[in-house]
């Protein structure tokens, strides 16, 4: 399954009560340039789970992912959108929820 399909399924699995009305998944562009992904973990099985920060900076080749205050934040250069989503997917799957 593609990472995009997986994110769609993860999103859908957390909808139904009020989560989608208050929280969600945001994918935005950055002006440096790059991508920013924010995924609310509140009221999901991932709330409060420990995420080991990813931080790689090789000039124009960079990525940073972390989870703070029940929000997964990922950012990276213009070629890192899929990698950010993969990092989230692999972490979520590793939690055996």
C-alpha atoms as a PDB file:
ATOM      1  CA  UNK A   1       0.000   0.000   0.000  1.00  0.00           C
ATOM      2  CA  UNK A   2       1.325   3.439  -0.876  1.00  0.00           C
ATOM      3  CA  UNK A   3       2.104   5.833   1.948  1.00  0.00           C
ATOM      4  CA  UNK A   4      -0.580   8.195   0.657  1.00  0.00           C
ATOM      5  CA  UNK A   5      -3.240   5.452   0.782  1.00  0.00           C
ATOM      6  CA  UNK A   6      -2.041   4.538   4.276  1.00  0.00           C
ATOM      7  CA  UNK A   7      -2.393   8.175   5.482  1.00  0.00           C
ATOM      8  CA  UNK A   8      -5.886   8.303   3.974  1.00  0.00           C
ATOM      9  CA  UNK A   9      -6.846   5.152   5.888  1.00  0.00           C
ATOM     10  CA  UNK A  10      -5.251   6.436   9.123  1.00  0.00           C
ATOM     11  CA  UNK A  11      -7.166   9.703   8.788  1.00  0.00           C
ATOM     12  CA  UNK A  12     -10.439   7.915   8.100  1.00  0.00           C
ATOM     13  CA  UNK A  13      -9.925   5.560  11.051  1.00  0.00           C
ATOM     14  CA  UNK A  14      -9.783   8.554  13.397  1.00  0.00           C
ATOM     15  CA  UNK A  15     -12.900  10.217  11.998  1.00  0.00           C
ATOM     16  CA  UNK A  16     -16.374   9.540  13.264  1.00  0.00           C
ATOM     17  CA  UNK A  17     -16.756  11.250  16.600  1.00  0.00           C
ATOM     18  CA  UNK A  18     -15.450  14.796  16.818  1.00  0.00           C
ATOM     19  CA  UNK A  19     -11.772  14.345  15.947  1.00  0.00           C
ATOM     20  CA  UNK A  20     -12.118  15.523  12.345  1.00  0.00           C
ATOM     21  CA  UNK A  21     -14.023  18.617  13.503  1.00  0.00           C
ATOM     22  CA  UNK A  22     -11.284  19.719  15.893  1.00  0.00           C
ATOM     23  CA  UNK A  23      -8.086  18.007  14.714  1.00  0.00           C
ATOM     24  CA  UNK A  24      -6.665  16.713  11.455  1.00  0.00           C
ATOM     25  CA  UNK A  25      -3.778  16.438   9.034  1.00  0.00           C
ATOM     26  CA  UNK A  26      -2.222  19.497   7.394  1.00  0.00           C
ATOM     27  CA  UNK A  27       0.219  19.481   4.493  1.00  0.00           C
ATOM     28  CA  UNK A  28       1.670  22.859   3.568  1.00  0.00           C
ATOM     29  CA  UNK A  29       4.543  24.336   1.634  1.00  0.00           C
ATOM     30  CA  UNK A  30       7.370  26.342   3.173  1.00  0.00           C
ATOM     31  CA  UNK A  31       8.987  29.389   1.633  1.00  0.00           C
ATOM     32  CA  UNK A  32      12.575  28.190   2.036  1.00  0.00           C
ATOM     33  CA  UNK A  33      11.340  26.006  -0.027  1.00  0.00           C
ATOM     34  CA  UNK A  34      10.016  22.777   1.409  1.00  0.00           C
ATOM     35  CA  UNK A  35       7.137  20.897   2.997  1.00  0.00           C
ATOM     36  CA  UNK A  36       5.500  21.018   6.424  1.00  0.00           C
ATOM     37  CA  UNK A  37       3.250  18.244   7.730  1.00  0.00           C
ATOM     38  CA  UNK A  38       1.296  18.557  10.984  1.00  0.00           C
ATOM     39  CA  UNK A  39      -0.751  15.640  12.278  1.00  0.00           C
ATOM     40  CA  UNK A  40      -2.835  15.992  15.421  1.00  0.00           C
ATOM     41  CA  UNK A  41      -2.400  12.995  17.713  1.00  0.00           C
ATOM     42  CA  UNK A  42      -4.908  14.106  20.365  1.00  0.00           C
ATOM     43  CA  UNK A  43      -7.791  11.653  20.725  1.00  0.00           C
ATOM     44  CA  UNK A  44      -5.965   9.037  18.640  1.00  0.00           C
ATOM     45  CA  UNK A  45      -4.167   5.880  19.824  1.00  0.00           C
ATOM     46  CA  UNK A  46      -0.866   7.745  19.237  1.00  0.00           C
ATOM     47  CA  UNK A  47      -1.574  10.368  21.907  1.00  0.00           C
ATOM     48  CA  UNK A  48       1.278  10.473  24.416  1.00  0.00           C
ATOM     49  CA  UNK A  49       3.477   7.986  22.522  1.00  0.00           C
ATOM     50  CA  UNK A  50       7.196   8.696  22.422  1.00  0.00           C
ATOM     51  CA  UNK A  51       8.660   9.670  19.066  1.00  0.00           C
ATOM     52  CA  UNK A  52      12.419   9.816  18.559  1.00  0.00           C
ATOM     53  CA  UNK A  53      13.200  13.091  16.794  1.00  0.00           C
ATOM     54  CA  UNK A  54      14.634  12.936  13.270  1.00  0.00           C
ATOM     55  CA  UNK A  55      16.914  15.840  12.365  1.00  0.00           C
ATOM     56  CA  UNK A  56      19.163  15.732   9.291  1.00  0.00           C
ATOM     57  CA  UNK A  57      20.589  18.888   7.739  1.00  0.00           C
ATOM     58  CA  UNK A  58      22.920  18.602   4.759  1.00  0.00           C
ATOM     59  CA  UNK A  59      22.320  22.061   3.360  1.00  0.00           C
ATOM     60  CA  UNK A  60      19.680  21.743   0.635  1.00  0.00           C
ATOM     61  CA  UNK A  61      18.995  18.120   1.698  1.00  0.00           C
ATOM     62  CA  UNK A  62      17.180  18.278   5.042  1.00  0.00           C
ATOM     63  CA  UNK A  63      14.372  16.764   7.094  1.00  0.00           C
ATOM     64  CA  UNK A  64      13.140  17.242  10.643  1.00  0.00           C
ATOM     65  CA  UNK A  65      10.354  15.309  12.369  1.00  0.00           C
ATOM     66  CA  UNK A  66       9.218  15.410  15.989  1.00  0.00           C
ATOM     67  CA  UNK A  67       6.151  14.905  18.152  1.00  0.00           C
ATOM     68  CA  UNK A  68       5.466  17.573  20.763  1.00  0.00           C
ATOM     69  CA  UNK A  69       2.236  18.361  22.627  1.00  0.00           C
ATOM     70  CA  UNK A  70       0.363  15.599  20.777  1.00  0.00           C
ATOM     71  CA  UNK A  71       1.261  16.952  17.346  1.00  0.00           C
ATOM     72  CA  UNK A  72       3.546  15.204  14.885  1.00  0.00           C
ATOM     73  CA  UNK A  73       5.442  17.898  12.987  1.00  0.00           C
ATOM     74  CA  UNK A  74       7.544  17.095   9.961  1.00  0.00           C
ATOM     75  CA  UNK A  75       9.368  19.444   7.640  1.00  0.00           C
ATOM     76  CA  UNK A  76      11.803  18.925   4.834  1.00  0.00           C
ATOM     77  CA  UNK A  77      13.201  20.093   1.554  1.00  0.00           C
ATOM     78  CA  UNK A  78      11.047  20.001  -1.621  1.00  0.00           C
ATOM     79  CA  UNK A  79      11.806  16.290  -2.149  1.00  0.00           C
ATOM     80  CA  UNK A  80      10.940  15.096   1.371  1.00  0.00           C
ATOM     81  CA  UNK A  81       7.117  15.060   1.487  1.00  0.00           C
ATOM     82  CA  UNK A  82       6.882  11.318   0.918  1.00  0.00           C
ATOM     83  CA  UNK A  83       9.719  10.673   3.385  1.00  0.00           C
ATOM     84  CA  UNK A  84       7.972  12.715   6.112  1.00  0.00           C
ATOM     85  CA  UNK A  85       4.793  10.694   5.599  1.00  0.00           C
ATOM     86  CA  UNK A  86       6.793   7.437   5.632  1.00  0.00           C
ATOM     87  CA  UNK A  87       8.439   8.396   8.927  1.00  0.00           C
ATOM     88  CA  UNK A  88       5.012   9.015  10.456  1.00  0.00           C
ATOM     89  CA  UNK A  89       3.651   5.748   9.030  1.00  0.00           C
ATOM     90  CA  UNK A  90       6.581   3.661  10.282  1.00  0.00           C
ATOM     91  CA  UNK A  91       6.352   5.202  13.748  1.00  0.00           C
ATOM     92  CA  UNK A  92       2.594   4.701  13.949  1.00  0.00           C
ATOM     93  CA  UNK A  93       2.905   1.072  12.837  1.00  0.00           C
ATOM     94  CA  UNK A  94       5.700   0.451  15.340  1.00  0.00           C
ATOM     95  CA  UNK A  95       3.349   1.317  18.199  1.00  0.00           C
ATOM     96  CA  UNK A  96       1.415  -1.971  17.706  1.00  0.00           C
ATOM     97  CA  UNK A  97      -1.942  -0.286  18.159  1.00  0.00           C
END
